[in-house]
């Protein structure tokens, strides 16, 4: 495994590869993404520890979507069992993936704990336990500051875990080293990831614009409501499909790895 530095224009390529691969197997990849979302939602409903469990499982579940993308890119039909790839590759890798998930859960909870110092824990409580989302709370200056702080702290956390599950699963890297390599790869390819992020931001904004135009032309709020959720989910599925290609281009030898 060797880190590769790619030009900024590669970010456009990642975007295109994600969309192209999704369109090869749209039903399979969208179905697996909905299963992924449903599993996270069901786990989060477990009393007291549900959201923590969902956080701990998230790295392994994300790896499952990457494995599905790999199969689709090879013109194969990814079956539901591929979602469990991160937990079914042997005892050693299972342990490593669970450790990675535990680190992610603890780090995310730490982010929420730091945000709680700003608003007294209102945002953290809402995220972990739910509750009434009244306008007074959401528009409060301290709540908004807590959200912004959590987002700022989450950015480096996301870089640490961007490639980590794939490095653990496909390259057998230890959890701690995978976090380091993931962070370095994202920083060294900063401009490619910037272009990649802007491409997806533009795609989501374009979707919102289209929905707004439909709303203006039809005047039907029900039609817009019925369109926006599935459209957003399909676009999100395409986004998750594209993540695999960022990994392949950032680490030499990743394209030929076995599932």
C-alpha atoms as a PDB file:
ATOM      1  CA  UNK A   1       0.000   0.000   0.000  1.00  0.00           C
ATOM      2  CA  UNK A   2       1.388   3.388  -1.019  1.00  0.00           C
ATOM      3  CA  UNK A   3      -0.196   6.811  -0.743  1.00  0.00           C
ATOM      4  CA  UNK A   4      -0.868   8.475  -4.088  1.00  0.00           C
ATOM      5  CA  UNK A   5      -1.152  12.209  -4.710  1.00  0.00           C
ATOM      6  CA  UNK A   6      -3.758  13.045  -7.331  1.00  0.00           C
ATOM      7  CA  UNK A   7      -4.499  16.331  -9.145  1.00  0.00           C
ATOM      8  CA  UNK A   8      -7.482  18.509  -8.228  1.00  0.00           C
ATOM      9  CA  UNK A   9      -9.405  17.451 -11.347  1.00  0.00           C
ATOM     10  CA  UNK A  10      -9.582  13.915  -9.935  1.00  0.00           C
ATOM     11  CA  UNK A  11     -12.366  15.204  -7.689  1.00  0.00           C
ATOM     12  CA  UNK A  12     -14.550  15.561 -10.795  1.00  0.00           C
ATOM     13  CA  UNK A  13     -13.614  12.031 -11.835  1.00  0.00           C
ATOM     14  CA  UNK A  14     -14.674  10.652  -8.428  1.00  0.00           C
ATOM     15  CA  UNK A  15     -18.020  12.378  -8.781  1.00  0.00           C
ATOM     16  CA  UNK A  16     -18.557  10.986 -12.287  1.00  0.00           C
ATOM     17  CA  UNK A  17     -17.477   7.478 -11.296  1.00  0.00           C
ATOM     18  CA  UNK A  18     -19.929   7.479  -8.415  1.00  0.00           C
ATOM     19  CA  UNK A  19     -22.829   8.516 -10.629  1.00  0.00           C
ATOM     20  CA  UNK A  20     -21.828   6.146 -13.450  1.00  0.00           C
ATOM     21  CA  UNK A  21     -21.438   3.151 -11.164  1.00  0.00           C
ATOM     22  CA  UNK A  22     -24.730   3.870  -9.420  1.00  0.00           C
ATOM     23  CA  UNK A  23     -26.490   3.937 -12.785  1.00  0.00           C
ATOM     24  CA  UNK A  24     -25.064   0.474 -13.567  1.00  0.00           C
ATOM     25  CA  UNK A  25     -26.963  -1.027 -10.623  1.00  0.00           C
ATOM     26  CA  UNK A  26     -29.437   1.667  -9.465  1.00  0.00           C
ATOM     27  CA  UNK A  27     -31.935  -0.696  -7.840  1.00  0.00           C
ATOM     28  CA  UNK A  28     -29.308  -2.710  -5.990  1.00  0.00           C
ATOM     29  CA  UNK A  29     -27.270   0.263  -4.755  1.00  0.00           C
ATOM     30  CA  UNK A  30     -30.266   2.371  -3.769  1.00  0.00           C
ATOM     31  CA  UNK A  31     -31.801  -0.655  -2.029  1.00  0.00           C
ATOM     32  CA  UNK A  32     -28.598  -1.337  -0.097  1.00  0.00           C
ATOM     33  CA  UNK A  33     -28.373   2.316   0.878  1.00  0.00           C
ATOM     34  CA  UNK A  34     -31.953   2.252   2.206  1.00  0.00           C
ATOM     35  CA  UNK A  35     -31.101  -0.932   4.134  1.00  0.00           C
ATOM     36  CA  UNK A  36     -28.046   0.849   5.554  1.00  0.00           C
ATOM     37  CA  UNK A  37     -30.164   3.822   6.640  1.00  0.00           C
ATOM     38  CA  UNK A  38     -32.871   1.557   8.073  1.00  0.00           C
ATOM     39  CA  UNK A  39     -30.311  -0.430  10.084  1.00  0.00           C
ATOM     40  CA  UNK A  40     -28.856   2.762  11.558  1.00  0.00           C
ATOM     41  CA  UNK A  41     -32.357   4.005  12.406  1.00  0.00           C
ATOM     42  CA  UNK A  42     -33.353   0.731  14.067  1.00  0.00           C
ATOM     43  CA  UNK A  43     -30.169   0.655  16.139  1.00  0.00           C
ATOM     44  CA  UNK A  44     -30.715   4.254  17.243  1.00  0.00           C
ATOM     45  CA  UNK A  45     -34.145   3.273  18.591  1.00  0.00           C
ATOM     46  CA  UNK A  46     -32.617   0.944  21.192  1.00  0.00           C
ATOM     47  CA  UNK A  47     -33.217   2.614  24.586  1.00  0.00           C
ATOM     48  CA  UNK A  48     -30.318   4.507  26.201  1.00  0.00           C
ATOM     49  CA  UNK A  49     -27.459   3.085  24.101  1.00  0.00           C
ATOM     50  CA  UNK A  50     -29.075   3.024  20.667  1.00  0.00           C
ATOM     51  CA  UNK A  51     -27.311   6.020  19.158  1.00  0.00           C
ATOM     52  CA  UNK A  52     -23.971   4.900  20.587  1.00  0.00           C
ATOM     53  CA  UNK A  53     -24.444   1.459  18.990  1.00  0.00           C
ATOM     54  CA  UNK A  54     -25.290   3.087  15.655  1.00  0.00           C
ATOM     55  CA  UNK A  55     -22.140   5.202  15.855  1.00  0.00           C
ATOM     56  CA  UNK A  56     -20.004   2.148  16.659  1.00  0.00           C
ATOM     57  CA  UNK A  57     -21.397   0.186  13.717  1.00  0.00           C
ATOM     58  CA  UNK A  58     -21.180   3.078  11.230  1.00  0.00           C
ATOM     59  CA  UNK A  59     -17.561   2.550  10.009  1.00  0.00           C
ATOM     60  CA  UNK A  60     -18.208  -1.134   9.273  1.00  0.00           C
ATOM     61  CA  UNK A  61     -21.548  -0.395   7.625  1.00  0.00           C
ATOM     62  CA  UNK A  62     -19.941   2.266   5.436  1.00  0.00           C
ATOM     63  CA  UNK A  63     -17.347  -0.301   4.384  1.00  0.00           C
ATOM     64  CA  UNK A  64     -20.243  -2.516   3.297  1.00  0.00           C
ATOM     65  CA  UNK A  65     -21.447   0.188   0.919  1.00  0.00           C
ATOM     66  CA  UNK A  66     -17.928   0.538  -0.477  1.00  0.00           C
ATOM     67  CA  UNK A  67     -17.783  -3.225  -1.049  1.00  0.00           C
ATOM     68  CA  UNK A  68     -21.128  -3.027  -2.850  1.00  0.00           C
ATOM     69  CA  UNK A  69     -19.744  -0.263  -5.056  1.00  0.00           C
ATOM     70  CA  UNK A  70     -16.725  -2.390  -5.909  1.00  0.00           C
ATOM     71  CA  UNK A  71     -18.971  -5.220  -7.062  1.00  0.00           C
ATOM     72  CA  UNK A  72     -21.166  -2.861  -9.086  1.00  0.00           C
ATOM     73  CA  UNK A  73     -18.095  -1.321 -10.747  1.00  0.00           C
ATOM     74  CA  UNK A  74     -17.220  -4.830 -11.952  1.00  0.00           C
ATOM     75  CA  UNK A  75     -20.726  -5.228 -13.423  1.00  0.00           C
ATOM     76  CA  UNK A  76     -21.782  -7.592 -10.631  1.00  0.00           C
ATOM     77  CA  UNK A  77     -25.080  -7.415  -8.771  1.00  0.00           C
ATOM     78  CA  UNK A  78     -24.293  -6.674  -5.094  1.00  0.00           C
ATOM     79  CA  UNK A  79     -26.364  -8.831  -2.755  1.00  0.00           C
ATOM     80  CA  UNK A  80     -27.509  -7.692   0.717  1.00  0.00           C
ATOM     81  CA  UNK A  81     -24.854  -9.812   2.447  1.00  0.00           C
ATOM     82  CA  UNK A  82     -22.187  -7.473   1.071  1.00  0.00           C
ATOM     83  CA  UNK A  83     -23.260  -4.905   3.667  1.00  0.00           C
ATOM     84  CA  UNK A  84     -21.742  -7.180   6.318  1.00  0.00           C
ATOM     85  CA  UNK A  85     -18.371  -7.424   4.573  1.00  0.00           C
ATOM     86  CA  UNK A  86     -16.709  -5.392   7.298  1.00  0.00           C
ATOM     87  CA  UNK A  87     -17.778  -7.881   9.948  1.00  0.00           C
ATOM     88  CA  UNK A  88     -17.319 -11.157   8.066  1.00  0.00           C
ATOM     89  CA  UNK A  89     -13.723 -11.081   6.840  1.00  0.00           C
ATOM     90  CA  UNK A  90     -12.192 -13.089   9.666  1.00  0.00           C
ATOM     91  CA  UNK A  91     -11.773 -12.796  13.403  1.00  0.00           C
ATOM     92  CA  UNK A  92      -8.794 -10.453  13.336  1.00  0.00           C
ATOM     93  CA  UNK A  93     -10.387  -7.961  10.956  1.00  0.00           C
ATOM     94  CA  UNK A  94     -13.693  -8.189  12.822  1.00  0.00           C
ATOM     95  CA  UNK A  95     -11.918  -7.204  16.020  1.00  0.00           C
ATOM     96  CA  UNK A  96     -10.121  -4.360  14.240  1.00  0.00           C
ATOM     97  CA  UNK A  97     -13.397  -3.075  12.734  1.00  0.00           C
ATOM     98  CA  UNK A  98     -15.098  -3.176  16.131  1.00  0.00           C
ATOM     99  CA  UNK A  99     -12.196  -1.276  17.697  1.00  0.00           C
ATOM    100  CA  UNK A 100     -12.427   1.289  14.905  1.00  0.00           C
ATOM    101  CA  UNK A 101     -16.156   1.639  15.557  1.00  0.00           C
ATOM    102  CA  UNK A 102     -15.568   2.094  19.280  1.00  0.00           C
ATOM    103  CA  UNK A 103     -13.003   4.822  18.608  1.00  0.00           C
ATOM    104  CA  UNK A 104     -15.461   6.553  16.285  1.00  0.00           C
ATOM    105  CA  UNK A 105     -18.284   6.409  18.836  1.00  0.00           C
ATOM    106  CA  UNK A 106     -16.084   7.784  21.635  1.00  0.00           C
ATOM    107  CA  UNK A 107     -14.684  10.544  19.406  1.00  0.00           C
ATOM    108  CA  UNK A 108     -18.152  11.574  18.236  1.00  0.00           C
ATOM    109  CA  UNK A 109     -19.456  11.649  21.802  1.00  0.00           C
ATOM    110  CA  UNK A 110     -16.466  13.816  22.723  1.00  0.00           C
ATOM    111  CA  UNK A 111     -17.470  16.244  19.954  1.00  0.00           C
ATOM    112  CA  UNK A 112     -20.978  16.407  21.408  1.00  0.00           C
ATOM    113  CA  UNK A 113     -19.570  16.880  24.922  1.00  0.00           C
ATOM    114  CA  UNK A 114     -17.480  19.839  23.776  1.00  0.00           C
ATOM    115  CA  UNK A 115     -20.501  21.368  22.020  1.00  0.00           C
ATOM    116  CA  UNK A 116     -22.426  21.011  25.299  1.00  0.00           C
ATOM    117  CA  UNK A 117     -20.118  23.546  26.926  1.00  0.00           C
ATOM    118  CA  UNK A 118     -21.679  26.183  24.659  1.00  0.00           C
ATOM    119  CA  UNK A 119     -25.412  25.496  24.975  1.00  0.00           C
ATOM    120  CA  UNK A 120     -25.672  23.442  28.141  1.00  0.00           C
ATOM    121  CA  UNK A 121     -26.081  20.193  26.197  1.00  0.00           C
ATOM    122  CA  UNK A 122     -29.271  21.033  24.286  1.00  0.00           C
ATOM    123  CA  UNK A 123     -27.873  20.021  20.899  1.00  0.00           C
ATOM    124  CA  UNK A 124     -26.185  16.888  22.295  1.00  0.00           C
ATOM    125  CA  UNK A 125     -29.390  15.819  24.062  1.00  0.00           C
ATOM    126  CA  UNK A 126     -31.452  16.400  20.928  1.00  0.00           C
ATOM    127  CA  UNK A 127     -29.039  14.323  18.837  1.00  0.00           C
ATOM    128  CA  UNK A 128     -28.713  11.443  21.277  1.00  0.00           C
ATOM    129  CA  UNK A 129     -32.193  11.227  22.760  1.00  0.00           C
ATOM    130  CA  UNK A 130     -34.431  13.226  20.430  1.00  0.00           C
ATOM    131  CA  UNK A 131     -37.075  15.580  21.728  1.00  0.00           C
ATOM    132  CA  UNK A 132     -39.201  18.490  20.651  1.00  0.00           C
ATOM    133  CA  UNK A 133     -37.552  20.658  17.996  1.00  0.00           C
ATOM    134  CA  UNK A 134     -39.304  23.897  18.810  1.00  0.00           C
ATOM    135  CA  UNK A 135     -38.329  27.113  16.981  1.00  0.00           C
ATOM    136  CA  UNK A 136     -37.172  28.823  20.174  1.00  0.00           C
ATOM    137  CA  UNK A 137     -34.542  26.146  20.790  1.00  0.00           C
ATOM    138  CA  UNK A 138     -33.411  25.842  17.178  1.00  0.00           C
ATOM    139  CA  UNK A 139     -33.087  29.605  16.715  1.00  0.00           C
ATOM    140  CA  UNK A 140     -31.299  30.200  20.006  1.00  0.00           C
ATOM    141  CA  UNK A 141     -27.849  31.755  19.604  1.00  0.00           C
ATOM    142  CA  UNK A 142     -26.224  29.227  21.943  1.00  0.00           C
ATOM    143  CA  UNK A 143     -27.831  26.268  20.143  1.00  0.00           C
ATOM    144  CA  UNK A 144     -26.708  27.526  16.724  1.00  0.00           C
ATOM    145  CA  UNK A 145     -23.185  28.089  18.063  1.00  0.00           C
ATOM    146  CA  UNK A 146     -23.142  24.545  19.469  1.00  0.00           C
ATOM    147  CA  UNK A 147     -24.158  23.153  16.071  1.00  0.00           C
ATOM    148  CA  UNK A 148     -21.440  25.149  14.302  1.00  0.00           C
ATOM    149  CA  UNK A 149     -18.846  24.043  16.855  1.00  0.00           C
ATOM    150  CA  UNK A 150     -19.852  20.400  16.458  1.00  0.00           C
ATOM    151  CA  UNK A 151     -19.620  20.700  12.671  1.00  0.00           C
ATOM    152  CA  UNK A 152     -16.166  22.284  12.895  1.00  0.00           C
ATOM    153  CA  UNK A 153     -14.929  19.541  15.225  1.00  0.00           C
ATOM    154  CA  UNK A 154     -16.479  16.830  13.086  1.00  0.00           C
ATOM    155  CA  UNK A 155     -14.501  17.841   9.989  1.00  0.00           C
ATOM    156  CA  UNK A 156     -11.123  16.488  11.190  1.00  0.00           C
ATOM    157  CA  UNK A 157     -12.935  13.454  12.621  1.00  0.00           C
ATOM    158  CA  UNK A 158     -14.422  12.676   9.213  1.00  0.00           C
ATOM    159  CA  UNK A 159     -10.949  12.913   7.616  1.00  0.00           C
ATOM    160  CA  UNK A 160      -9.586  10.434  10.153  1.00  0.00           C
ATOM    161  CA  UNK A 161     -12.302   7.917   9.323  1.00  0.00           C
ATOM    162  CA  UNK A 162     -12.740   8.598   5.593  1.00  0.00           C
ATOM    163  CA  UNK A 163     -10.442   5.777   4.430  1.00  0.00           C
ATOM    164  CA  UNK A 164      -9.928   4.000   7.760  1.00  0.00           C
ATOM    165  CA  UNK A 165     -12.572   1.221   7.386  1.00  0.00           C
ATOM    166  CA  UNK A 166     -11.279   0.338   3.905  1.00  0.00           C
ATOM    167  CA  UNK A 167      -7.664   0.302   5.094  1.00  0.00           C
ATOM    168  CA  UNK A 168      -8.567  -1.993   7.973  1.00  0.00           C
ATOM    169  CA  UNK A 169     -10.654  -4.314   5.796  1.00  0.00           C
ATOM    170  CA  UNK A 170      -8.696  -4.507   2.535  1.00  0.00           C
ATOM    171  CA  UNK A 171      -5.133  -3.763   3.632  1.00  0.00           C
ATOM    172  CA  UNK A 172      -5.137  -5.223   7.136  1.00  0.00           C
ATOM    173  CA  UNK A 173      -3.905  -1.976   8.692  1.00  0.00           C
ATOM    174  CA  UNK A 174      -4.379  -1.595  12.444  1.00  0.00           C
ATOM    175  CA  UNK A 175      -7.182   0.788  13.528  1.00  0.00           C
ATOM    176  CA  UNK A 176      -4.855   3.506  14.869  1.00  0.00           C
ATOM    177  CA  UNK A 177      -2.559   3.422  11.830  1.00  0.00           C
ATOM    178  CA  UNK A 178      -5.549   3.448   9.488  1.00  0.00           C
ATOM    179  CA  UNK A 179      -6.734   6.688  11.080  1.00  0.00           C
ATOM    180  CA  UNK A 180      -3.326   8.265  10.573  1.00  0.00           C
ATOM    181  CA  UNK A 181      -3.031   7.150   6.941  1.00  0.00           C
ATOM    182  CA  UNK A 182      -6.588   8.270   6.207  1.00  0.00           C
ATOM    183  CA  UNK A 183      -5.966  11.744   7.627  1.00  0.00           C
ATOM    184  CA  UNK A 184      -2.689  12.152   5.739  1.00  0.00           C
ATOM    185  CA  UNK A 185      -4.251  10.945   2.470  1.00  0.00           C
ATOM    186  CA  UNK A 186      -7.079  13.461   2.748  1.00  0.00           C
ATOM    187  CA  UNK A 187      -4.708  16.325   3.565  1.00  0.00           C
ATOM    188  CA  UNK A 188      -2.233  15.456   0.816  1.00  0.00           C
ATOM    189  CA  UNK A 189      -5.102  15.329  -1.678  1.00  0.00           C
ATOM    190  CA  UNK A 190      -6.804  18.415  -0.265  1.00  0.00           C
ATOM    191  CA  UNK A 191      -7.624  20.038  -3.596  1.00  0.00           C
ATOM    192  CA  UNK A 192      -9.040  16.867  -5.127  1.00  0.00           C
ATOM    193  CA  UNK A 193     -11.310  16.444  -2.116  1.00  0.00           C
ATOM    194  CA  UNK A 194     -12.267  20.123  -2.262  1.00  0.00           C
ATOM    195  CA  UNK A 195     -13.346  19.787  -5.895  1.00  0.00           C
ATOM    196  CA  UNK A 196     -15.116  16.517  -5.074  1.00  0.00           C
ATOM    197  CA  UNK A 197     -17.030  18.166  -2.211  1.00  0.00           C
ATOM    198  CA  UNK A 198     -17.991  21.141  -4.362  1.00  0.00           C
ATOM    199  CA  UNK A 199     -19.297  18.817  -7.080  1.00  0.00           C
ATOM    200  CA  UNK A 200     -21.594  17.051  -4.632  1.00  0.00           C
ATOM    201  CA  UNK A 201     -22.646  20.311  -3.011  1.00  0.00           C
ATOM    202  CA  UNK A 202     -23.582  21.570  -6.468  1.00  0.00           C
ATOM    203  CA  UNK A 203     -25.542  18.386  -7.164  1.00  0.00           C
ATOM    204  CA  UNK A 204     -27.594  18.717  -3.995  1.00  0.00           C
ATOM    205  CA  UNK A 205     -28.182  22.432  -4.620  1.00  0.00           C
ATOM    206  CA  UNK A 206     -29.290  21.649  -8.171  1.00  0.00           C
ATOM    207  CA  UNK A 207     -31.747  19.091  -6.846  1.00  0.00           C
ATOM    208  CA  UNK A 208     -33.147  21.684  -4.436  1.00  0.00           C
ATOM    209  CA  UNK A 209     -33.440  24.203  -7.256  1.00  0.00           C
ATOM    210  CA  UNK A 210     -35.362  21.752  -9.437  1.00  0.00           C
ATOM    211  CA  UNK A 211     -37.728  20.977  -6.576  1.00  0.00           C
ATOM    212  CA  UNK A 212     -38.253  24.703  -5.948  1.00  0.00           C
ATOM    213  CA  UNK A 213     -39.043  25.252  -9.650  1.00  0.00           C
ATOM    214  CA  UNK A 214     -41.551  22.386  -9.593  1.00  0.00           C
ATOM    215  CA  UNK A 215     -43.132  23.880  -6.488  1.00  0.00           C
ATOM    216  CA  UNK A 216     -43.423  27.246  -8.209  1.00  0.00           C
ATOM    217  CA  UNK A 217     -44.888  25.836 -11.405  1.00  0.00           C
ATOM    218  CA  UNK A 218     -47.384  23.445  -9.826  1.00  0.00           C
ATOM    219  CA  UNK A 219     -48.165  25.194  -6.566  1.00  0.00           C
ATOM    220  CA  UNK A 220     -48.522  21.723  -5.063  1.00  0.00           C
ATOM    221  CA  UNK A 221     -46.828  21.293  -1.717  1.00  0.00           C
ATOM    222  CA  UNK A 222     -47.833  17.633  -1.618  1.00  0.00           C
ATOM    223  CA  UNK A 223     -46.089  16.914  -4.918  1.00  0.00           C
ATOM    224  CA  UNK A 224     -42.910  18.583  -3.706  1.00  0.00           C
ATOM    225  CA  UNK A 225     -43.009  16.642  -0.428  1.00  0.00           C
ATOM    226  CA  UNK A 226     -43.445  13.389  -2.300  1.00  0.00           C
ATOM    227  CA  UNK A 227     -40.482  14.159  -4.567  1.00  0.00           C
ATOM    228  CA  UNK A 228     -37.846  15.714  -2.338  1.00  0.00           C
ATOM    229  CA  UNK A 229     -37.241  12.811   0.059  1.00  0.00           C
ATOM    230  CA  UNK A 230     -36.726  10.027  -2.514  1.00  0.00           C
ATOM    231  CA  UNK A 231     -34.699  12.388  -4.722  1.00  0.00           C
ATOM    232  CA  UNK A 232     -32.445  13.291  -1.795  1.00  0.00           C
ATOM    233  CA  UNK A 233     -32.028   9.629  -0.834  1.00  0.00           C
ATOM    234  CA  UNK A 234     -31.085   8.600  -4.369  1.00  0.00           C
ATOM    235  CA  UNK A 235     -28.556  11.434  -4.568  1.00  0.00           C
ATOM    236  CA  UNK A 236     -27.163  10.423  -1.169  1.00  0.00           C
ATOM    237  CA  UNK A 237     -26.841   6.834  -2.434  1.00  0.00           C
ATOM    238  CA  UNK A 238     -24.845   8.125  -5.413  1.00  0.00           C
ATOM    239  CA  UNK A 239     -22.635  10.098  -3.035  1.00  0.00           C
ATOM    240  CA  UNK A 240     -21.886   7.036  -0.914  1.00  0.00           C
ATOM    241  CA  UNK A 241     -21.178   5.101  -4.107  1.00  0.00           C
ATOM    242  CA  UNK A 242     -18.492   7.615  -5.046  1.00  0.00           C
ATOM    243  CA  UNK A 243     -16.577   7.203  -1.758  1.00  0.00           C
ATOM    244  CA  UNK A 244     -15.014   3.925  -2.906  1.00  0.00           C
ATOM    245  CA  UNK A 245     -13.271   5.656  -5.809  1.00  0.00           C
ATOM    246  CA  UNK A 246     -11.620   8.215  -3.509  1.00  0.00           C
ATOM    247  CA  UNK A 247     -10.044   5.293  -1.668  1.00  0.00           C
ATOM    248  CA  UNK A 248      -8.900   3.490  -4.821  1.00  0.00           C
ATOM    249  CA  UNK A 249      -7.105   6.555  -6.189  1.00  0.00           C
ATOM    250  CA  UNK A 250      -5.521   7.591  -2.881  1.00  0.00           C
ATOM    251  CA  UNK A 251      -3.834   4.244  -2.183  1.00  0.00           C
ATOM    252  CA  UNK A 252      -1.830   2.369  -4.810  1.00  0.00           C
ATOM    253  CA  UNK A 253      -2.849  -1.259  -5.205  1.00  0.00           C
ATOM    254  CA  UNK A 254      -6.375  -0.784  -3.844  1.00  0.00           C
ATOM    255  CA  UNK A 255      -8.124  -1.379  -7.154  1.00  0.00           C
ATOM    256  CA  UNK A 256      -7.100  -5.015  -7.393  1.00  0.00           C
ATOM    257  CA  UNK A 257      -7.929  -5.986  -3.820  1.00  0.00           C
ATOM    258  CA  UNK A 258     -10.161  -8.963  -3.150  1.00  0.00           C
ATOM    259  CA  UNK A 259     -13.540  -8.459  -1.556  1.00  0.00           C
END
